[in-house]
Amino acid sequence: MVINLHELLHLPVYTESEVKLGRIFDLELDVNTQTVMRYLVRQNFLSASYLLVASAQVKEIKHDRVVVYDSVLKAEAGGELALEE
């Protein structure tokens, strides 16, 4: 499957167990390898806090959502992924 950036941005992000984490609002790209390093996920439009989700934590990208491993939710609960702008 091929997806363009316009389609990828704003996709909802869910864990494997169907917990909604938010929506993709940005990403970080390694220009040397042309690889997505991290996805930035915001819980809602007005939220200043966001999650950094490493590309290795993404299980799959579908046309209507991004699915991440449940371990992302556990790391968020431990305070490791939640960041403030």
Protein backbone atom coordinates (compact mmCIF):
# COMPACT_ATOMS: atom_id res chain seq x y z
CA MET A 1 0.00 0.00 0.00
CA VAL A 2 1.16 3.50 -0.78
CA ILE A 3 -0.06 6.46 1.25
CA ASN A 4 0.79 10.11 0.76
CA LEU A 5 1.57 12.56 3.55
CA HIS A 6 -1.76 14.35 3.22
CA GLU A 7 -3.58 11.06 3.86
CA LEU A 8 -1.24 10.03 6.69
CA LEU A 9 -1.60 13.25 8.64
CA HIS A 10 -4.66 13.26 10.86
CA LEU A 11 -5.11 9.47 10.75
CA PRO A 12 -6.33 8.19 14.11
CA VAL A 13 -3.85 6.09 16.10
CA TYR A 14 -5.07 3.03 18.01
CA THR A 15 -3.34 0.35 20.03
CA GLU A 16 -3.79 -3.33 19.19
CA SER A 17 -6.45 -3.48 21.92
CA GLU A 18 -8.44 -0.62 20.31
CA VAL A 19 -7.43 2.20 22.70
CA LYS A 20 -7.42 5.48 20.78
CA LEU A 21 -4.24 7.49 21.43
CA GLY A 22 -5.03 10.43 19.17
CA ARG A 23 -4.22 11.53 15.63
CA ILE A 24 -0.96 11.94 13.74
CA PHE A 25 -0.17 15.62 13.35
CA ASP A 26 3.48 15.49 12.30
CA LEU A 27 6.41 13.15 11.75
CA GLU A 28 10.19 13.18 11.97
CA LEU A 29 12.15 12.01 8.95
CA ASP A 30 15.80 10.97 8.73
CA VAL A 31 16.85 12.73 5.54
CA ASN A 32 19.96 10.57 5.10
CA THR A 33 18.03 7.31 4.96
CA GLN A 34 14.67 8.82 3.91
CA THR A 35 13.07 6.89 6.79
CA VAL A 36 10.30 7.95 9.14
CA MET A 37 11.83 7.92 12.62
CA ARG A 38 8.86 9.00 14.78
CA TYR A 39 5.22 9.94 14.46
CA LEU A 40 3.88 12.78 16.59
CA VAL A 41 0.43 11.98 17.96
CA ARG A 42 -1.85 14.51 19.62
CA GLN A 43 -4.89 13.49 21.69
CA ASN A 44 -6.99 16.39 20.45
CA PHE A 45 -6.63 19.49 18.32
CA LEU A 46 -6.19 21.89 21.24
CA SER A 47 -3.83 19.73 23.30
CA ALA A 48 -0.30 21.03 23.81
CA SER A 49 1.01 17.62 24.87
CA TYR A 50 1.77 14.88 22.40
CA LEU A 51 3.24 11.41 22.10
CA LEU A 52 6.32 10.43 20.14
CA VAL A 53 5.74 7.03 18.59
CA ALA A 54 8.82 5.39 17.06
CA SER A 55 8.31 3.78 13.68
CA ALA A 56 9.31 0.42 15.22
CA GLN A 57 6.26 0.71 17.51
CA VAL A 58 3.87 0.86 14.56
CA LYS A 59 2.28 -2.50 13.81
CA GLU A 60 0.49 -1.42 10.65
CA ILE A 61 -0.81 1.54 8.72
CA LYS A 62 -4.25 1.11 7.18
CA HIS A 63 -6.24 3.45 4.99
CA ASP A 64 -8.34 4.56 7.97
CA ARG A 65 -6.00 4.22 10.99
CA VAL A 66 -2.53 3.55 12.35
CA VAL A 67 -2.22 0.59 14.74
CA VAL A 68 0.58 0.55 17.31
CA TYR A 69 1.66 -2.19 19.68
CA ASP A 70 0.03 -2.23 23.12
CA SER A 71 3.46 -1.56 24.66
CA VAL A 72 3.08 2.08 23.55
CA LEU A 73 0.16 2.46 25.95
CA LYS A 74 2.20 0.96 28.81
CA ALA A 75 5.10 3.32 28.10
CA GLU A 76 2.70 6.28 28.04
CA ALA A 77 1.31 5.28 31.43
CA GLY A 78 4.86 5.22 32.77
CA GLY A 79 5.38 8.76 31.57
CA GLU A 80 8.09 7.88 29.07
CA LEU A 81 6.31 9.05 25.93
CA ALA A 82 4.23 12.00 27.06
CA LEU A 83 5.95 15.25 26.14
CA GLU A 84 5.01 18.88 26.43
CA GLU A 85 5.64 21.47 23.75
